[in-house]
Structure formats: C-alpha cells, structure tokens
Amino acid sequence: MPRYAHPKTTAHLEPVISAFGNLTRVAIIGFLAQNGPATRGEVAAGLNIGVATAKHNLQLLTEAGITSQDPPATEERNGMRVQYLLEREEVLRRYKMLGEALGVVPEAG
C-alpha cells in the first residue's frame, strides 16, 4: 500500500495546486493574461476546447478567486454576455506561494 506524504504546508497550498495543477486551467489563465477579458465562448475558441469544458473550468477559477465575472453572478444579467477577467494580483500571490513551497522563491518574512 502506498504511503502518502503530508507535509505541514499542504493545507494552504491546496488552492494553489488546484488552480495551477490542471493544464486546462493554466491555459485559461494564460489566455486571459494575454488577451484580456473574454466570454467562455471566446476562451473555448481561443484554446480549441469545448464550451462546456471552458465553462466548468472558468467556474472553478471564479470560485477560487482567480477570475471574476462581469457582470457579477450576483447581478441580473438578462441575456448579457458574461466576460471573465483575470485577477492578476491573486495569480501572482498564488504563484509566489508555490515558489516559496518549492524553495525557488525566498519566503516572505
């Protein structure tokens, strides 16, 4: 039976690994970083993935705070096209956390 490592840093890195540990989500992050706000259809077309795949992964990224929606889900949309925006500061924060955990970026003191 395999033994699993559970380092003390695991819990706070789960959201980071969830966002950056999936090729589709990383591709979406990169697409939005390069192209700016986009609808899920534009993301799907730009990455040559299905709209359902784009929708699912954009929803996960939004729930994680990596992307946001315009207009927000809390507002009435009445057929408006929703654009997804990259939350760059959150991406940078998580990227730094991952670098610190890997030992390639000095930990903030």
N, C-alpha and C. Protein backbone atom coordinates (compact mmCIF):
# COMPACT_ATOMS: atom_id res chain seq x y z
N MET A 1 0.85 -1.18 0.00
CA MET A 1 0.00 0.00 0.00
C MET A 1 0.89 1.24 0.00
N PRO A 2 0.62 2.19 -0.89
CA PRO A 2 1.48 3.38 -0.95
C PRO A 2 1.33 4.25 0.28
N ARG A 3 2.40 4.92 0.62
CA ARG A 3 2.39 5.87 1.72
C ARG A 3 2.36 7.27 1.13
N TYR A 4 1.52 8.11 1.68
CA TYR A 4 1.37 9.46 1.17
C TYR A 4 2.09 10.46 2.08
N ALA A 5 2.77 11.39 1.47
CA ALA A 5 3.43 12.45 2.22
C ALA A 5 2.42 13.53 2.56
N HIS A 6 2.48 14.01 3.76
CA HIS A 6 1.59 15.09 4.20
C HIS A 6 2.42 16.17 4.88
N PRO A 7 3.17 16.95 4.09
CA PRO A 7 3.97 17.99 4.71
C PRO A 7 3.10 19.05 5.37
N LYS A 8 3.69 19.77 6.31
CA LYS A 8 2.93 20.76 7.08
C LYS A 8 2.37 21.88 6.21
N THR A 9 2.93 22.09 5.03
CA THR A 9 2.48 23.18 4.15
C THR A 9 1.32 22.78 3.25
N THR A 10 0.92 21.54 3.27
CA THR A 10 -0.07 21.04 2.32
C THR A 10 -1.38 21.81 2.33
N ALA A 11 -1.95 22.05 3.48
CA ALA A 11 -3.30 22.63 3.55
C ALA A 11 -3.40 23.98 2.84
N HIS A 12 -2.47 24.88 3.07
CA HIS A 12 -2.60 26.21 2.46
C HIS A 12 -2.21 26.19 0.97
N LEU A 13 -1.60 25.11 0.49
CA LEU A 13 -1.23 25.03 -0.91
C LEU A 13 -2.29 24.36 -1.79
N GLU A 14 -3.28 23.74 -1.19
CA GLU A 14 -4.31 23.05 -1.98
C GLU A 14 -4.97 23.97 -3.00
N PRO A 15 -5.39 25.19 -2.64
CA PRO A 15 -5.99 26.07 -3.65
C PRO A 15 -5.01 26.45 -4.77
N VAL A 16 -3.74 26.58 -4.42
CA VAL A 16 -2.72 26.92 -5.41
C VAL A 16 -2.55 25.77 -6.39
N ILE A 17 -2.42 24.57 -5.86
CA ILE A 17 -2.23 23.40 -6.70
C ILE A 17 -3.48 23.14 -7.53
N SER A 18 -4.64 23.39 -6.97
CA SER A 18 -5.88 23.20 -7.71
C SER A 18 -5.94 24.10 -8.94
N ALA A 19 -5.51 25.35 -8.77
CA ALA A 19 -5.55 26.30 -9.89
C ALA A 19 -4.46 26.03 -10.91
N PHE A 20 -3.24 25.79 -10.44
CA PHE A 20 -2.09 25.66 -11.33
C PHE A 20 -1.78 24.21 -11.70
N GLY A 21 -2.45 23.25 -11.08
CA GLY A 21 -2.15 21.85 -11.31
C GLY A 21 -3.02 21.20 -12.37
N ASN A 22 -3.66 21.99 -13.20
CA ASN A 22 -4.53 21.48 -14.24
C ASN A 22 -4.20 22.21 -15.54
N LEU A 23 -3.89 21.45 -16.59
CA LEU A 23 -3.45 22.05 -17.85
C LEU A 23 -4.50 22.99 -18.46
N THR A 24 -5.76 22.61 -18.37
CA THR A 24 -6.81 23.47 -18.95
C THR A 24 -6.91 24.78 -18.20
N ARG A 25 -6.88 24.72 -16.86
CA ARG A 25 -6.97 25.95 -16.08
C ARG A 25 -5.75 26.84 -16.30
N VAL A 26 -4.57 26.24 -16.40
CA VAL A 26 -3.36 27.04 -16.68
C VAL A 26 -3.48 27.69 -18.06
N ALA A 27 -4.00 26.95 -19.04
CA ALA A 27 -4.18 27.52 -20.38
C ALA A 27 -5.18 28.68 -20.35
N ILE A 28 -6.24 28.55 -19.59
CA ILE A 28 -7.23 29.62 -19.47
C ILE A 28 -6.61 30.85 -18.82
N ILE A 29 -5.84 30.64 -17.75
CA ILE A 29 -5.15 31.75 -17.08
C ILE A 29 -4.24 32.47 -18.08
N GLY A 30 -3.48 31.70 -18.84
CA GLY A 30 -2.59 32.28 -19.84
C GLY A 30 -3.34 33.01 -20.93
N PHE A 31 -4.45 32.44 -21.38
CA PHE A 31 -5.26 33.07 -22.42
C PHE A 31 -5.78 34.42 -21.95
N LEU A 32 -6.33 34.45 -20.74
CA LEU A 32 -6.87 35.71 -20.21
C LEU A 32 -5.75 36.72 -19.95
N ALA A 33 -4.59 36.25 -19.54
CA ALA A 33 -3.45 37.15 -19.30
C ALA A 33 -3.01 37.81 -20.61
N GLN A 34 -3.04 37.07 -21.69
CA GLN A 34 -2.59 37.60 -22.97
C GLN A 34 -3.67 38.38 -23.72
N ASN A 35 -4.93 37.96 -23.57
CA ASN A 35 -5.99 38.53 -24.40
C ASN A 35 -6.97 39.43 -23.66
N GLY A 36 -6.87 39.48 -22.36
CA GLY A 36 -7.79 40.30 -21.59
C GLY A 36 -9.12 39.61 -21.38
N PRO A 37 -10.12 40.34 -20.90
CA PRO A 37 -11.42 39.75 -20.63
C PRO A 37 -12.00 39.05 -21.85
N ALA A 38 -12.68 37.93 -21.60
CA ALA A 38 -13.26 37.15 -22.69
C ALA A 38 -14.46 36.38 -22.19
N THR A 39 -15.38 36.09 -23.09
CA THR A 39 -16.52 35.23 -22.77
C THR A 39 -16.04 33.78 -22.76
N ARG A 40 -16.86 32.89 -22.23
CA ARG A 40 -16.45 31.48 -22.22
C ARG A 40 -16.36 30.94 -23.65
N GLY A 41 -17.19 31.44 -24.56
CA GLY A 41 -17.11 31.02 -25.96
C GLY A 41 -15.81 31.46 -26.60
N GLU A 42 -15.37 32.67 -26.28
CA GLU A 42 -14.10 33.17 -26.80
C GLU A 42 -12.92 32.38 -26.24
N VAL A 43 -13.00 32.04 -24.96
CA VAL A 43 -11.95 31.22 -24.34
C VAL A 43 -11.91 29.85 -25.01
N ALA A 44 -13.08 29.24 -25.19
CA ALA A 44 -13.16 27.92 -25.81
C ALA A 44 -12.58 27.95 -27.22
N ALA A 45 -12.96 28.95 -28.00
CA ALA A 45 -12.46 29.05 -29.37
C ALA A 45 -10.96 29.31 -29.39
N GLY A 46 -10.50 30.19 -28.52
CA GLY A 46 -9.09 30.55 -28.48
C GLY A 46 -8.19 29.40 -28.06
N LEU A 47 -8.72 28.49 -27.26
CA LEU A 47 -7.93 27.36 -26.77
C LEU A 47 -8.28 26.05 -27.47
N ASN A 48 -9.25 26.12 -28.39
CA ASN A 48 -9.70 24.92 -29.11
C ASN A 48 -10.18 23.83 -28.14
N ILE A 49 -11.03 24.24 -27.19
CA ILE A 49 -11.63 23.32 -26.24
C ILE A 49 -13.14 23.49 -26.32
N GLY A 50 -13.87 22.55 -25.77
CA GLY A 50 -15.32 22.65 -25.77
C GLY A 50 -15.82 23.76 -24.86
N VAL A 51 -16.96 24.31 -25.20
CA VAL A 51 -17.55 25.37 -24.38
C VAL A 51 -17.88 24.85 -22.99
N ALA A 52 -18.36 23.61 -22.89
CA ALA A 52 -18.67 23.04 -21.59
C ALA A 52 -17.40 22.91 -20.73
N THR A 53 -16.30 22.55 -21.35
CA THR A 53 -15.02 22.45 -20.63
C THR A 53 -14.58 23.83 -20.16
N ALA A 54 -14.70 24.82 -21.03
CA ALA A 54 -14.36 26.19 -20.66
C ALA A 54 -15.25 26.67 -19.51
N LYS A 55 -16.54 26.41 -19.62
CA LYS A 55 -17.50 26.84 -18.59
C LYS A 55 -17.14 26.22 -17.24
N HIS A 56 -16.90 24.92 -17.21
CA HIS A 56 -16.59 24.22 -15.98
C HIS A 56 -15.32 24.79 -15.33
N ASN A 57 -14.27 24.94 -16.12
CA ASN A 57 -13.00 25.41 -15.57
C ASN A 57 -13.04 26.89 -15.20
N LEU A 58 -13.76 27.70 -15.95
CA LEU A 58 -13.93 29.11 -15.58
C LEU A 58 -14.71 29.23 -14.28
N GLN A 59 -15.69 28.36 -14.09
CA GLN A 59 -16.45 28.37 -12.84
C GLN A 59 -15.54 28.04 -11.66
N LEU A 60 -14.69 27.02 -11.82
CA LEU A 60 -13.76 26.66 -10.76
C LEU A 60 -12.77 27.79 -10.47
N LEU A 61 -12.27 28.43 -11.53
CA LEU A 61 -11.34 29.54 -11.35
C LEU A 61 -12.02 30.73 -10.68
N THR A 62 -13.28 30.97 -11.00
CA THR A 62 -14.02 32.07 -10.38
C THR A 62 -14.28 31.78 -8.91
N GLU A 63 -14.67 30.55 -8.60
CA GLU A 63 -14.89 30.16 -7.20
C GLU A 63 -13.60 30.29 -6.40
N ALA A 64 -12.46 30.06 -7.04
CA ALA A 64 -11.16 30.14 -6.37
C ALA A 64 -10.63 31.58 -6.29
N GLY A 65 -11.30 32.52 -6.96
CA GLY A 65 -10.86 33.91 -6.92
C GLY A 65 -9.79 34.26 -7.94
N ILE A 66 -9.51 33.34 -8.88
CA ILE A 66 -8.51 33.58 -9.92
C ILE A 66 -9.10 34.42 -11.05
N THR A 67 -10.38 34.22 -11.33
CA THR A 67 -11.09 35.04 -12.31
C THR A 67 -12.32 35.65 -11.65
N SER A 68 -12.85 36.67 -12.28
CA SER A 68 -14.12 37.25 -11.84
C SER A 68 -14.99 37.43 -13.07
N GLN A 69 -16.27 37.66 -12.83
CA GLN A 69 -17.23 37.80 -13.92
C GLN A 69 -17.73 39.22 -14.02
N ASP A 70 -17.95 39.66 -15.26
CA ASP A 70 -18.54 40.97 -15.49
C ASP A 70 -19.67 40.81 -16.49
N PRO A 71 -20.91 41.01 -16.11
CA PRO A 71 -21.37 41.41 -14.79
C PRO A 71 -21.26 40.26 -13.80
N PRO A 72 -21.13 40.60 -12.51
CA PRO A 72 -21.01 39.55 -11.48
C PRO A 72 -22.26 38.66 -11.43
N ALA A 73 -22.07 37.46 -10.93
CA ALA A 73 -23.18 36.50 -10.82
C ALA A 73 -24.28 37.01 -9.90
N THR A 74 -23.96 37.94 -9.03
CA THR A 74 -24.95 38.47 -8.10
C THR A 74 -25.89 39.47 -8.75
N GLU A 75 -25.57 39.93 -9.95
CA GLU A 75 -26.41 40.91 -10.65
C GLU A 75 -27.29 40.22 -11.68
N GLU A 76 -28.42 40.83 -11.97
CA GLU A 76 -29.30 40.34 -13.03
C GLU A 76 -28.61 40.56 -14.37
N ARG A 77 -28.58 39.52 -15.18
CA ARG A 77 -27.84 39.61 -16.43
C ARG A 77 -28.75 39.78 -17.65
N ASN A 78 -29.94 39.26 -17.59
CA ASN A 78 -30.93 39.41 -18.67
C ASN A 78 -30.32 39.23 -20.06
N GLY A 79 -29.69 38.10 -20.27
CA GLY A 79 -29.14 37.78 -21.58
C GLY A 79 -27.82 38.44 -21.90
N MET A 80 -27.25 39.19 -20.97
CA MET A 80 -25.96 39.83 -21.21
C MET A 80 -24.87 38.76 -21.31
N ARG A 81 -23.91 39.00 -22.17
CA ARG A 81 -22.77 38.09 -22.28
C ARG A 81 -21.83 38.35 -21.12
N VAL A 82 -21.48 37.29 -20.42
CA VAL A 82 -20.59 37.40 -19.27
C VAL A 82 -19.15 37.31 -19.74
N GLN A 83 -18.35 38.26 -19.30
CA GLN A 83 -16.93 38.22 -19.59
C GLN A 83 -16.19 37.80 -18.32
N TYR A 84 -15.12 37.06 -18.53
CA TYR A 84 -14.27 36.61 -17.43
C TYR A 84 -13.00 37.44 -17.44
N LEU A 85 -12.65 37.94 -16.26
CA LEU A 85 -11.47 38.77 -16.10
C LEU A 85 -10.48 38.05 -15.20
N LEU A 86 -9.22 38.16 -15.50
CA LEU A 86 -8.17 37.55 -14.70
C LEU A 86 -7.86 38.45 -13.52
N GLU A 87 -7.84 37.87 -12.34
CA GLU A 87 -7.46 38.60 -11.13
C GLU A 87 -5.95 38.43 -10.96
N ARG A 88 -5.19 39.31 -11.63
CA ARG A 88 -3.73 39.18 -11.72
C ARG A 88 -3.06 39.16 -10.36
N GLU A 89 -3.49 39.99 -9.44
CA GLU A 89 -2.86 40.02 -8.11
C GLU A 89 -3.01 38.67 -7.40
N GLU A 90 -4.15 38.04 -7.57
CA GLU A 90 -4.37 36.73 -6.95
C GLU A 90 -3.49 35.67 -7.60
N VAL A 91 -3.35 35.73 -8.92
CA VAL A 91 -2.47 34.80 -9.63
C VAL A 91 -1.04 34.97 -9.13
N LEU A 92 -0.57 36.21 -9.03
CA LEU A 92 0.79 36.46 -8.57
C LEU A 92 0.98 36.00 -7.13
N ARG A 93 0.00 36.22 -6.28
CA ARG A 93 0.08 35.79 -4.87
C ARG A 93 0.23 34.28 -4.78
N ARG A 94 -0.58 33.57 -5.55
CA ARG A 94 -0.53 32.11 -5.50
C ARG A 94 0.74 31.56 -6.15
N TYR A 95 1.19 32.21 -7.21
CA TYR A 95 2.42 31.81 -7.88
C TYR A 95 3.60 31.93 -6.91
N LYS A 96 3.61 33.02 -6.14
CA LYS A 96 4.66 33.22 -5.14
C LYS A 96 4.58 32.16 -4.05
N MET A 97 3.39 31.83 -3.60
CA MET A 97 3.22 30.78 -2.59
C MET A 97 3.80 29.45 -3.08
N LEU A 98 3.54 29.14 -4.34
CA LEU A 98 4.06 27.90 -4.91
C LEU A 98 5.58 27.95 -4.97
N GLY A 99 6.12 29.08 -5.40
CA GLY A 99 7.58 29.23 -5.45
C GLY A 99 8.22 29.09 -4.09
N GLU A 100 7.59 29.64 -3.06
CA GLU A 100 8.10 29.51 -1.70
C GLU A 100 8.08 28.05 -1.25
N ALA A 101 7.00 27.35 -1.56
CA ALA A 101 6.88 25.93 -1.16
C ALA A 101 7.92 25.08 -1.87
N LEU A 102 8.26 25.45 -3.10
CA LEU A 102 9.25 24.70 -3.87
C LEU A 102 10.67 25.08 -3.49
N GLY A 103 10.81 26.18 -2.76
CA GLY A 103 12.13 26.63 -2.35
C GLY A 103 12.87 27.41 -3.42
N VAL A 104 12.16 27.87 -4.45
CA VAL A 104 12.81 28.66 -5.50
C VAL A 104 12.57 30.15 -5.35
N VAL A 105 11.71 30.53 -4.43
CA VAL A 105 11.45 31.91 -4.09
C VAL A 105 11.61 32.02 -2.57
N PRO A 106 12.42 32.96 -2.08
CA PRO A 106 12.58 33.09 -0.63
C PRO A 106 11.24 33.39 0.04
N GLU A 107 11.01 32.77 1.19
CA GLU A 107 9.77 33.01 1.92
C GLU A 107 9.75 34.42 2.46
N ALA A 108 8.55 35.02 2.43
CA ALA A 108 8.37 36.36 2.98
C ALA A 108 8.54 36.29 4.49
N GLY A 109 9.22 37.24 5.04
CA GLY A 109 9.48 37.17 6.48
C GLY A 109 8.88 38.22 7.23
